[in-house]
All heavy atoms as atom14 arrays in JSON, in Angstrom:
{
  "sequence": "LSITESFSDGVMNFSVSGELSSGVSYDFEDELTAAASVCKKIDLDLKG",
  "atom14_mask": [
    [1, 1, 1, 1, 1, 1, 1, 1, 0, 0, 0, 0, 0, 0],
    [1, 1, 1, 1, 1, 1, 0, 0, 0, 0, 0, 0, 0, 0],
    [1, 1, 1, 1, 1, 1, 1, 1, 0, 0, 0, 0, 0, 0],
    [1, 1, 1, 1, 1, 1, 1, 0, 0, 0, 0, 0, 0, 0],
    [1, 1, 1, 1, 1, 1, 1, 1, 1, 0, 0, 0, 0, 0],
    [1, 1, 1, 1, 1, 1, 0, 0, 0, 0, 0, 0, 0, 0],
    [1, 1, 1, 1, 1, 1, 1, 1, 1, 1, 1, 0, 0, 0],
    [1, 1, 1, 1, 1, 1, 0, 0, 0, 0, 0, 0, 0, 0],
    [1, 1, 1, 1, 1, 1, 1, 1, 0, 0, 0, 0, 0, 0],
    [1, 1, 1, 1, 0, 0, 0, 0, 0, 0, 0, 0, 0, 0],
    [1, 1, 1, 1, 1, 1, 1, 0, 0, 0, 0, 0, 0, 0],
    [1, 1, 1, 1, 1, 1, 1, 1, 0, 0, 0, 0, 0, 0],
    [1, 1, 1, 1, 1, 1, 1, 1, 0, 0, 0, 0, 0, 0],
    [1, 1, 1, 1, 1, 1, 1, 1, 1, 1, 1, 0, 0, 0],
    [1, 1, 1, 1, 1, 1, 0, 0, 0, 0, 0, 0, 0, 0],
    [1, 1, 1, 1, 1, 1, 1, 0, 0, 0, 0, 0, 0, 0],
    [1, 1, 1, 1, 1, 1, 0, 0, 0, 0, 0, 0, 0, 0],
    [1, 1, 1, 1, 0, 0, 0, 0, 0, 0, 0, 0, 0, 0],
    [1, 1, 1, 1, 1, 1, 1, 1, 1, 0, 0, 0, 0, 0],
    [1, 1, 1, 1, 1, 1, 1, 1, 0, 0, 0, 0, 0, 0],
    [1, 1, 1, 1, 1, 1, 0, 0, 0, 0, 0, 0, 0, 0],
    [1, 1, 1, 1, 1, 1, 0, 0, 0, 0, 0, 0, 0, 0],
    [1, 1, 1, 1, 0, 0, 0, 0, 0, 0, 0, 0, 0, 0],
    [1, 1, 1, 1, 1, 1, 1, 0, 0, 0, 0, 0, 0, 0],
    [1, 1, 1, 1, 1, 1, 0, 0, 0, 0, 0, 0, 0, 0],
    [1, 1, 1, 1, 1, 1, 1, 1, 1, 1, 1, 1, 0, 0],
    [1, 1, 1, 1, 1, 1, 1, 1, 0, 0, 0, 0, 0, 0],
    [1, 1, 1, 1, 1, 1, 1, 1, 1, 1, 1, 0, 0, 0],
    [1, 1, 1, 1, 1, 1, 1, 1, 1, 0, 0, 0, 0, 0],
    [1, 1, 1, 1, 1, 1, 1, 1, 0, 0, 0, 0, 0, 0],
    [1, 1, 1, 1, 1, 1, 1, 1, 1, 0, 0, 0, 0, 0],
    [1, 1, 1, 1, 1, 1, 1, 1, 0, 0, 0, 0, 0, 0],
    [1, 1, 1, 1, 1, 1, 1, 0, 0, 0, 0, 0, 0, 0],
    [1, 1, 1, 1, 1, 0, 0, 0, 0, 0, 0, 0, 0, 0],
    [1, 1, 1, 1, 1, 0, 0, 0, 0, 0, 0, 0, 0, 0],
    [1, 1, 1, 1, 1, 0, 0, 0, 0, 0, 0, 0, 0, 0],
    [1, 1, 1, 1, 1, 1, 0, 0, 0, 0, 0, 0, 0, 0],
    [1, 1, 1, 1, 1, 1, 1, 0, 0, 0, 0, 0, 0, 0],
    [1, 1, 1, 1, 1, 1, 0, 0, 0, 0, 0, 0, 0, 0],
    [1, 1, 1, 1, 1, 1, 1, 1, 1, 0, 0, 0, 0, 0],
    [1, 1, 1, 1, 1, 1, 1, 1, 1, 0, 0, 0, 0, 0],
    [1, 1, 1, 1, 1, 1, 1, 1, 0, 0, 0, 0, 0, 0],
    [1, 1, 1, 1, 1, 1, 1, 1, 0, 0, 0, 0, 0, 0],
    [1, 1, 1, 1, 1, 1, 1, 1, 0, 0, 0, 0, 0, 0],
    [1, 1, 1, 1, 1, 1, 1, 1, 0, 0, 0, 0, 0, 0],
    [1, 1, 1, 1, 1, 1, 1, 1, 0, 0, 0, 0, 0, 0],
    [1, 1, 1, 1, 1, 1, 1, 1, 1, 0, 0, 0, 0, 0],
    [1, 1, 1, 1, 0, 0, 0, 0, 0, 0, 0, 0, 0, 0]
  ],
  "atom14_positions": [
    [[-97.24, 11.04, -80.18], [-96.65, 11.8, -81.27], [-95.49, 12.64, -80.76], [-95.55, 13.2, -79.67], [-97.7, 12.74, -81.89], [-97.26, 13.55, -83.11], [-97.1, 12.65, -84.32], [-98.27, 14.65, -83.4], [0.0, 0.0, 0.0], [0.0, 0.0, 0.0], [0.0, 0.0, 0.0], [0.0, 0.0, 0.0], [0.0, 0.0, 0.0], [0.0, 0.0, 0.0]],
    [[-94.46, 12.71, -81.57], [-93.31, 13.56, -81.28], [-93.05, 14.43, -82.5], [-92.99, 13.92, -83.63], [-92.09, 12.7, -80.98], [-90.94, 13.49, -80.87], [0.0, 0.0, 0.0], [0.0, 0.0, 0.0], [0.0, 0.0, 0.0], [0.0, 0.0, 0.0], [0.0, 0.0, 0.0], [0.0, 0.0, 0.0], [0.0, 0.0, 0.0], [0.0, 0.0, 0.0]],
    [[-92.92, 15.72, -82.26], [-92.58, 16.66, -83.34], [-91.33, 17.41, -82.9], [-91.37, 18.15, -81.92], [-93.72, 17.67, -83.61], [-95.02, 16.95, -83.94], [-93.32, 18.63, -84.74], [-96.23, 17.87, -84.0], [0.0, 0.0, 0.0], [0.0, 0.0, 0.0], [0.0, 0.0, 0.0], [0.0, 0.0, 0.0], [0.0, 0.0, 0.0], [0.0, 0.0, 0.0]],
    [[-90.24, 17.18, -83.6], [-88.99, 17.85, -83.31], [-88.75, 18.86, -84.41], [-88.94, 18.57, -85.59], [-87.83, 16.84, -83.25], [-88.15, 15.82, -82.31], [-86.54, 17.51, -82.84], [0.0, 0.0, 0.0], [0.0, 0.0, 0.0], [0.0, 0.0, 0.0], [0.0, 0.0, 0.0], [0.0, 0.0, 0.0], [0.0, 0.0, 0.0], [0.0, 0.0, 0.0]],
    [[-88.32, 20.05, -84.02], [-88.09, 21.08, -85.02], [-86.71, 21.7, -84.84], [-86.19, 21.78, -83.73], [-89.18, 22.14, -84.97], [-89.43, 22.72, -83.6], [-90.69, 23.56, -83.53], [-91.78, 23.01, -83.72], [-90.55, 24.77, -83.28], [0.0, 0.0, 0.0], [0.0, 0.0, 0.0], [0.0, 0.0, 0.0], [0.0, 0.0, 0.0], [0.0, 0.0, 0.0]],
    [[-86.15, 22.09, -85.97], [-84.87, 22.79, -85.98], [-84.85, 23.74, -87.17], [-85.54, 23.5, -88.17], [-83.7, 21.81, -86.04], [-83.71, 21.11, -87.27], [0.0, 0.0, 0.0], [0.0, 0.0, 0.0], [0.0, 0.0, 0.0], [0.0, 0.0, 0.0], [0.0, 0.0, 0.0], [0.0, 0.0, 0.0], [0.0, 0.0, 0.0], [0.0, 0.0, 0.0]],
    [[-84.08, 24.78, -87.06], [-83.98, 25.78, -88.12], [-82.54, 25.8, -88.62], [-81.61, 25.92, -87.83], [-84.4, 27.16, -87.58], [-84.48, 28.2, -88.63], [-85.55, 28.25, -89.51], [-83.48, 29.16, -88.76], [-85.64, 29.23, -90.49], [-83.55, 30.13, -89.73], [-84.63, 30.17, -90.6], [0.0, 0.0, 0.0], [0.0, 0.0, 0.0], [0.0, 0.0, 0.0]],
    [[-82.38, 25.67, -89.94], [-81.04, 25.66, -90.52], [-81.09, 26.21, -91.93], [-81.93, 25.78, -92.74], [-80.51, 24.22, -90.52], [-79.27, 24.15, -91.15], [0.0, 0.0, 0.0], [0.0, 0.0, 0.0], [0.0, 0.0, 0.0], [0.0, 0.0, 0.0], [0.0, 0.0, 0.0], [0.0, 0.0, 0.0], [0.0, 0.0, 0.0], [0.0, 0.0, 0.0]],
    [[-80.2, 27.13, -92.24], [-80.08, 27.69, -93.59], [-81.41, 28.18, -94.16], [-81.72, 27.96, -95.32], [-79.46, 26.66, -94.55], [-78.05, 26.27, -94.16], [-77.32, 27.14, -93.64], [-77.67, 25.1, -94.36], [0.0, 0.0, 0.0], [0.0, 0.0, 0.0], [0.0, 0.0, 0.0], [0.0, 0.0, 0.0], [0.0, 0.0, 0.0], [0.0, 0.0, 0.0]],
    [[-82.21, 28.83, -93.34], [-83.47, 29.39, -93.79], [-84.6, 28.4, -93.92], [-85.66, 28.73, -94.45], [0.0, 0.0, 0.0], [0.0, 0.0, 0.0], [0.0, 0.0, 0.0], [0.0, 0.0, 0.0], [0.0, 0.0, 0.0], [0.0, 0.0, 0.0], [0.0, 0.0, 0.0], [0.0, 0.0, 0.0], [0.0, 0.0, 0.0], [0.0, 0.0, 0.0]],
    [[-84.39, 27.17, -93.47], [-85.41, 26.12, -93.59], [-85.8, 25.64, -92.19], [-84.94, 25.32, -91.38], [-84.9, 24.92, -94.42], [-85.95, 23.83, -94.5], [-84.45, 25.37, -95.8], [0.0, 0.0, 0.0], [0.0, 0.0, 0.0], [0.0, 0.0, 0.0], [0.0, 0.0, 0.0], [0.0, 0.0, 0.0], [0.0, 0.0, 0.0], [0.0, 0.0, 0.0]],
    [[-87.11, 25.59, -91.93], [-87.6, 24.99, -90.7], [-87.8, 23.5, -90.97], [-88.54, 23.11, -91.87], [-88.93, 25.62, -90.27], [-89.48, 25.04, -88.99], [-88.41, 25.26, -87.55], [-88.74, 26.96, -87.16], [0.0, 0.0, 0.0], [0.0, 0.0, 0.0], [0.0, 0.0, 0.0], [0.0, 0.0, 0.0], [0.0, 0.0, 0.0], [0.0, 0.0, 0.0]],
    [[-87.08, 22.69, -90.22], [-87.12, 21.24, -90.39], [-87.95, 20.61, -89.27], [-87.69, 20.86, -88.11], [-85.7, 20.66, -90.34], [-84.83, 21.22, -91.42], [-84.97, 20.86, -92.57], [-83.92, 22.12, -91.06], [0.0, 0.0, 0.0], [0.0, 0.0, 0.0], [0.0, 0.0, 0.0], [0.0, 0.0, 0.0], [0.0, 0.0, 0.0], [0.0, 0.0, 0.0]],
    [[-88.93, 19.8, -89.67], [-89.76, 19.08, -88.73], [-89.52, 17.59, -88.9], [-89.54, 17.09, -90.03], [-91.25, 19.34, -88.96], [-91.71, 20.68, -88.5], [-91.72, 21.76, -89.37], [-92.15, 20.88, -87.21], [-92.16, 22.99, -88.96], [-92.59, 22.11, -86.79], [-92.59, 23.18, -87.66], [0.0, 0.0, 0.0], [0.0, 0.0, 0.0], [0.0, 0.0, 0.0]],
    [[-89.31, 16.9, -87.81], [-89.25, 15.45, -87.82], [-90.4, 14.95, -86.96], [-90.49, 15.29, -85.78], [-87.9, 14.98, -87.26], [-87.85, 13.58, -87.27], [0.0, 0.0, 0.0], [0.0, 0.0, 0.0], [0.0, 0.0, 0.0], [0.0, 0.0, 0.0], [0.0, 0.0, 0.0], [0.0, 0.0, 0.0], [0.0, 0.0, 0.0], [0.0, 0.0, 0.0]],
    [[-91.27, 14.16, -87.56], [-92.48, 13.72, -86.89], [-92.43, 12.2, -86.75], [-92.09, 11.5, -87.7], [-93.74, 14.13, -87.7], [-95.01, 13.74, -86.97], [-93.71, 15.63, -88.01], [0.0, 0.0, 0.0], [0.0, 0.0, 0.0], [0.0, 0.0, 0.0], [0.0, 0.0, 0.0], [0.0, 0.0, 0.0], [0.0, 0.0, 0.0], [0.0, 0.0, 0.0]],
    [[-92.79, 11.71, -85.56], [-92.87, 10.26, -85.38], [-94.07, 9.94, -84.51], [-94.49, 10.73, -83.68], [-91.58, 9.71, -84.75], [-91.39, 10.25, -83.47], [0.0, 0.0, 0.0], [0.0, 0.0, 0.0], [0.0, 0.0, 0.0], [0.0, 0.0, 0.0], [0.0, 0.0, 0.0], [0.0, 0.0, 0.0], [0.0, 0.0, 0.0], [0.0, 0.0, 0.0]],
    [[-94.64, 8.77, -84.77], [-95.82, 8.33, -84.04], [-97.03, 8.33, -84.94], [-96.93, 8.23, -86.16], [0.0, 0.0, 0.0], [0.0, 0.0, 0.0], [0.0, 0.0, 0.0], [0.0, 0.0, 0.0], [0.0, 0.0, 0.0], [0.0, 0.0, 0.0], [0.0, 0.0, 0.0], [0.0, 0.0, 0.0], [0.0, 0.0, 0.0], [0.0, 0.0, 0.0]],
    [[-98.19, 8.47, -84.32], [-99.46, 8.45, -85.04], [-100.05, 9.84, -85.15], [-100.2, 10.53, -84.15], [-100.46, 7.53, -84.33], [-100.03, 6.09, -84.29], [-101.08, 5.19, -83.65], [-102.11, 5.71, -83.15], [-100.86, 3.98, -83.65], [0.0, 0.0, 0.0], [0.0, 0.0, 0.0], [0.0, 0.0, 0.0], [0.0, 0.0, 0.0], [0.0, 0.0, 0.0]],
    [[-100.38, 10.24, -86.36], [-101.07, 11.51, -86.58], [-102.58, 11.22, -86.54], [-103.27, 11.24, -87.55], [-100.67, 12.13, -87.92], [-99.34, 12.85, -87.92], [-98.9, 13.21, -89.32], [-99.43, 14.09, -87.05], [0.0, 0.0, 0.0], [0.0, 0.0, 0.0], [0.0, 0.0, 0.0], [0.0, 0.0, 0.0], [0.0, 0.0, 0.0], [0.0, 0.0, 0.0]],
    [[-103.04, 10.91, -85.35], [-104.45, 10.59, -85.14], [-105.26, 11.88, -85.05], [-104.71, 12.97, -84.96], [-104.62, 9.78, -83.86], [-104.24, 10.58, -82.75], [0.0, 0.0, 0.0], [0.0, 0.0, 0.0], [0.0, 0.0, 0.0], [0.0, 0.0, 0.0], [0.0, 0.0, 0.0], [0.0, 0.0, 0.0], [0.0, 0.0, 0.0], [0.0, 0.0, 0.0]],
    [[-106.56, 11.74, -85.05], [-107.45, 12.89, -84.94], [-107.16, 13.71, -83.69], [-107.19, 14.93, -83.72], [-108.91, 12.44, -84.93], [-109.23, 11.77, -86.12], [0.0, 0.0, 0.0], [0.0, 0.0, 0.0], [0.0, 0.0, 0.0], [0.0, 0.0, 0.0], [0.0, 0.0, 0.0], [0.0, 0.0, 0.0], [0.0, 0.0, 0.0], [0.0, 0.0, 0.0]],
    [[-106.85, 13.03, -82.6], [-106.62, 13.71, -81.33], [-105.4, 14.61, -81.29], [-105.34, 15.55, -80.5], [0.0, 0.0, 0.0], [0.0, 0.0, 0.0], [0.0, 0.0, 0.0], [0.0, 0.0, 0.0], [0.0, 0.0, 0.0], [0.0, 0.0, 0.0], [0.0, 0.0, 0.0], [0.0, 0.0, 0.0], [0.0, 0.0, 0.0], [0.0, 0.0, 0.0]],
    [[-104.41, 14.33, -82.12], [-103.18, 15.14, -82.11], [-103.04, 16.01, -83.36], [-102.11, 16.8, -83.46], [-101.92, 14.26, -81.95], [-101.95, 13.47, -80.66], [-101.73, 13.33, -83.14], [0.0, 0.0, 0.0], [0.0, 0.0, 0.0], [0.0, 0.0, 0.0], [0.0, 0.0, 0.0], [0.0, 0.0, 0.0], [0.0, 0.0, 0.0], [0.0, 0.0, 0.0]],
    [[-103.96, 15.87, -84.28], [-103.87, 16.59, -85.56], [-103.86, 18.09, -85.4], [-103.19, 18.8, -86.14], [-105.02, 16.18, -86.48], [-104.89, 14.83, -86.83], [0.0, 0.0, 0.0], [0.0, 0.0, 0.0], [0.0, 0.0, 0.0], [0.0, 0.0, 0.0], [0.0, 0.0, 0.0], [0.0, 0.0, 0.0], [0.0, 0.0, 0.0], [0.0, 0.0, 0.0]],
    [[-104.61, 18.59, -84.43], [-104.67, 20.04, -84.24], [-103.35, 20.59, -83.71], [-102.92, 21.67, -84.11], [-105.85, 20.42, -83.35], [-107.16, 20.02, -83.99], [-107.88, 18.91, -83.53], [-107.65, 20.71, -85.09], [-109.06, 18.52, -84.15], [-108.83, 20.32, -85.72], [-109.53, 19.23, -85.24], [-110.69, 18.85, -85.86], [0.0, 0.0, 0.0], [0.0, 0.0, 0.0]],
    [[-102.68, 19.84, -82.85], [-101.35, 20.24, -82.38], [-100.37, 20.24, -83.55], [-99.55, 21.15, -83.69], [-100.85, 19.29, -81.29], [-101.65, 19.4, -80.01], [-101.58, 20.46, -79.38], [-102.34, 18.43, -79.66], [0.0, 0.0, 0.0], [0.0, 0.0, 0.0], [0.0, 0.0, 0.0], [0.0, 0.0, 0.0], [0.0, 0.0, 0.0], [0.0, 0.0, 0.0]],
    [[-100.44, 19.23, -84.38], [-99.61, 19.12, -85.57], [-99.83, 20.32, -86.49], [-98.88, 20.99, -86.92], [-99.93, 17.8, -86.28], [-99.25, 17.59, -87.6], [-97.87, 17.41, -87.66], [-99.98, 17.53, -88.77], [-97.24, 17.19, -88.88], [-99.36, 17.31, -89.99], [-97.98, 17.14, -90.03], [0.0, 0.0, 0.0], [0.0, 0.0, 0.0], [0.0, 0.0, 0.0]],
    [[-101.09, 20.62, -86.75], [-101.41, 21.76, -87.6], [-100.93, 23.07, -86.99], [-100.39, 23.94, -87.69], [-102.91, 21.84, -87.86], [-103.32, 22.95, -88.8], [-104.8, 22.97, -89.12], [-105.53, 22.06, -88.69], [-105.21, 23.91, -89.82], [0.0, 0.0, 0.0], [0.0, 0.0, 0.0], [0.0, 0.0, 0.0], [0.0, 0.0, 0.0], [0.0, 0.0, 0.0]],
    [[-101.11, 23.23, -85.69], [-100.66, 24.45, -85.01], [-99.16, 24.66, -85.16], [-98.69, 25.77, -85.41], [-101.02, 24.42, -83.52], [-102.49, 24.65, -83.26], [-103.22, 25.06, -84.19], [-102.91, 24.41, -82.11], [0.0, 0.0, 0.0], [0.0, 0.0, 0.0], [0.0, 0.0, 0.0], [0.0, 0.0, 0.0], [0.0, 0.0, 0.0], [0.0, 0.0, 0.0]],
    [[-98.37, 23.59, -84.99], [-96.92, 23.68, -85.12], [-96.52, 24.09, -86.53], [-95.68, 24.97, -86.72], [-96.25, 22.35, -84.76], [-96.33, 21.97, -83.3], [-95.53, 22.89, -82.41], [-94.35, 23.17, -82.72], [-96.08, 23.34, -81.39], [0.0, 0.0, 0.0], [0.0, 0.0, 0.0], [0.0, 0.0, 0.0], [0.0, 0.0, 0.0], [0.0, 0.0, 0.0]],
    [[-97.12, 23.46, -87.53], [-96.78, 23.79, -88.92], [-97.26, 25.18, -89.32], [-96.56, 25.91, -90.02], [-97.38, 22.75, -89.88], [-96.76, 21.36, -89.84], [-97.49, 20.43, -90.8], [-95.29, 21.39, -90.16], [0.0, 0.0, 0.0], [0.0, 0.0, 0.0], [0.0, 0.0, 0.0], [0.0, 0.0, 0.0], [0.0, 0.0, 0.0], [0.0, 0.0, 0.0]],
    [[-98.44, 25.56, -88.84], [-98.97, 26.89, -89.15], [-98.1, 27.97, -88.54], [-97.81, 28.99, -89.19], [-100.42, 27.02, -88.65], [-101.22, 26.03, -89.31], [-100.99, 28.4, -88.94], [0.0, 0.0, 0.0], [0.0, 0.0, 0.0], [0.0, 0.0, 0.0], [0.0, 0.0, 0.0], [0.0, 0.0, 0.0], [0.0, 0.0, 0.0], [0.0, 0.0, 0.0]],
    [[-97.66, 27.75, -87.31], [-96.77, 28.73, -86.67], [-95.48, 28.88, -87.47], [-95.0, 29.99, -87.69], [-96.48, 28.3, -85.24], [0.0, 0.0, 0.0], [0.0, 0.0, 0.0], [0.0, 0.0, 0.0], [0.0, 0.0, 0.0], [0.0, 0.0, 0.0], [0.0, 0.0, 0.0], [0.0, 0.0, 0.0], [0.0, 0.0, 0.0], [0.0, 0.0, 0.0]],
    [[-94.93, 27.76, -87.93], [-93.7, 27.82, -88.72], [-93.95, 28.54, -90.04], [-93.13, 29.37, -90.47], [-93.17, 26.42, -88.98], [0.0, 0.0, 0.0], [0.0, 0.0, 0.0], [0.0, 0.0, 0.0], [0.0, 0.0, 0.0], [0.0, 0.0, 0.0], [0.0, 0.0, 0.0], [0.0, 0.0, 0.0], [0.0, 0.0, 0.0], [0.0, 0.0, 0.0]],
    [[-95.07, 28.24, -90.7], [-95.37, 28.86, -91.99], [-95.59, 30.36, -91.87], [-95.36, 31.1, -92.83], [-96.61, 28.21, -92.61], [0.0, 0.0, 0.0], [0.0, 0.0, 0.0], [0.0, 0.0, 0.0], [0.0, 0.0, 0.0], [0.0, 0.0, 0.0], [0.0, 0.0, 0.0], [0.0, 0.0, 0.0], [0.0, 0.0, 0.0], [0.0, 0.0, 0.0]],
    [[-95.97, 30.82, -90.69], [-96.2, 32.26, -90.52], [-94.9, 33.04, -90.36], [-94.89, 34.25, -90.55], [-97.13, 32.51, -89.33], [-96.48, 32.19, -88.13], [0.0, 0.0, 0.0], [0.0, 0.0, 0.0], [0.0, 0.0, 0.0], [0.0, 0.0, 0.0], [0.0, 0.0, 0.0], [0.0, 0.0, 0.0], [0.0, 0.0, 0.0], [0.0, 0.0, 0.0]],
    [[-93.79, 32.36, -90.04], [-92.52, 33.06, -89.84], [-91.4, 32.56, -90.75], [-90.33, 33.15, -90.77], [-92.06, 32.96, -88.36], [-93.05, 33.66, -87.45], [-91.82, 31.53, -87.93], [0.0, 0.0, 0.0], [0.0, 0.0, 0.0], [0.0, 0.0, 0.0], [0.0, 0.0, 0.0], [0.0, 0.0, 0.0], [0.0, 0.0, 0.0], [0.0, 0.0, 0.0]],
    [[-91.64, 31.49, -91.49], [-90.58, 30.89, -92.3], [-91.15, 30.52, -93.67], [-92.25, 29.99, -93.76], [-90.06, 29.64, -91.58], [-88.69, 28.87, -92.4], [0.0, 0.0, 0.0], [0.0, 0.0, 0.0], [0.0, 0.0, 0.0], [0.0, 0.0, 0.0], [0.0, 0.0, 0.0], [0.0, 0.0, 0.0], [0.0, 0.0, 0.0], [0.0, 0.0, 0.0]],
    [[-90.39, 30.78, -94.71], [-90.88, 30.51, -96.06], [-90.63, 29.08, -96.53], [-91.27, 28.62, -97.46], [-90.24, 31.48, -97.04], [-90.72, 32.9, -96.84], [-90.34, 33.75, -98.02], [-90.8, 35.16, -97.85], [-92.21, 35.34, -98.09], [0.0, 0.0, 0.0], [0.0, 0.0, 0.0], [0.0, 0.0, 0.0], [0.0, 0.0, 0.0], [0.0, 0.0, 0.0]],
    [[-89.71, 28.38, -95.89], [-89.38, 27.03, -96.34], [-89.51, 26.06, -95.17], [-88.89, 26.25, -94.13], [-87.98, 26.98, -96.92], [-87.84, 27.89, -98.13], [-86.57, 27.61, -98.89], [-86.37, 28.54, -100.05], [-87.38, 28.52, -101.05], [0.0, 0.0, 0.0], [0.0, 0.0, 0.0], [0.0, 0.0, 0.0], [0.0, 0.0, 0.0], [0.0, 0.0, 0.0]],
    [[-90.33, 25.02, -95.39], [-90.56, 24.01, -94.36], [-90.28, 22.65, -94.97], [-90.82, 22.3, -96.03], [-92.01, 24.06, -93.85], [-92.31, 25.42, -93.24], [-92.27, 22.94, -92.85], [-93.78, 25.63, -92.9], [0.0, 0.0, 0.0], [0.0, 0.0, 0.0], [0.0, 0.0, 0.0], [0.0, 0.0, 0.0], [0.0, 0.0, 0.0], [0.0, 0.0, 0.0]],
    [[-89.42, 21.88, -94.31], [-89.17, 20.49, -94.69], [-89.8, 19.6, -93.63], [-89.61, 19.83, -92.43], [-87.68, 20.19, -94.78], [-87.07, 20.68, -96.09], [-87.81, 21.2, -96.95], [-85.84, 20.54, -96.25], [0.0, 0.0, 0.0], [0.0, 0.0, 0.0], [0.0, 0.0, 0.0], [0.0, 0.0, 0.0], [0.0, 0.0, 0.0], [0.0, 0.0, 0.0]],
    [[-90.51, 18.6, -94.07], [-91.26, 17.73, -93.18], [-90.8, 16.29, -93.36], [-90.95, 15.71, -94.43], [-92.75, 17.88, -93.51], [-93.79, 17.28, -92.62], [-93.65, 17.79, -91.19], [-95.17, 17.63, -93.15], [0.0, 0.0, 0.0], [0.0, 0.0, 0.0], [0.0, 0.0, 0.0], [0.0, 0.0, 0.0], [0.0, 0.0, 0.0], [0.0, 0.0, 0.0]],
    [[-90.21, 15.73, -92.31], [-89.74, 14.35, -92.32], [-90.82, 13.5, -91.66], [-91.06, 13.6, -90.46], [-88.43, 14.26, -91.54], [-87.88, 12.86, -91.42], [-88.64, 11.88, -91.59], [-86.68, 12.73, -91.12], [0.0, 0.0, 0.0], [0.0, 0.0, 0.0], [0.0, 0.0, 0.0], [0.0, 0.0, 0.0], [0.0, 0.0, 0.0], [0.0, 0.0, 0.0]],
    [[-91.48, 12.65, -92.45], [-92.58, 11.82, -91.95], [-92.22, 10.34, -91.9], [-93.1, 9.5, -91.76], [-93.82, 12.01, -92.83], [-94.41, 13.42, -92.89], [-95.6, 13.46, -93.86], [-94.83, 13.89, -91.52], [0.0, 0.0, 0.0], [0.0, 0.0, 0.0], [0.0, 0.0, 0.0], [0.0, 0.0, 0.0], [0.0, 0.0, 0.0], [0.0, 0.0, 0.0]],
    [[-90.94, 10.01, -92.0], [-90.58, 8.58, -92.06], [-90.96, 7.83, -90.79], [-91.18, 6.63, -90.82], [-89.11, 8.4, -92.4], [-88.15, 8.75, -91.31], [-86.7, 8.45, -91.74], [-85.74, 8.99, -90.74], [-85.26, 10.33, -91.06], [0.0, 0.0, 0.0], [0.0, 0.0, 0.0], [0.0, 0.0, 0.0], [0.0, 0.0, 0.0], [0.0, 0.0, 0.0]],
    [[-91.07, 8.52, -89.66], [-91.43, 7.87, -88.41], [-92.92, 7.86, -88.12], [-93.35, 7.42, -87.05], [0.0, 0.0, 0.0], [0.0, 0.0, 0.0], [0.0, 0.0, 0.0], [0.0, 0.0, 0.0], [0.0, 0.0, 0.0], [0.0, 0.0, 0.0], [0.0, 0.0, 0.0], [0.0, 0.0, 0.0], [0.0, 0.0, 0.0], [0.0, 0.0, 0.0]]
  ]
}
């Protein structure tokens, strides 16, 4: 799994690629939760 993040114009952008399997789900959740605690707008790109 790869999670790339960038911040632009008040939006935290995440680009995710690979498999969101059980083994990596907690890392995925941690990244999004951390962003949600400091940023009001999150865009999630799941095409990969």
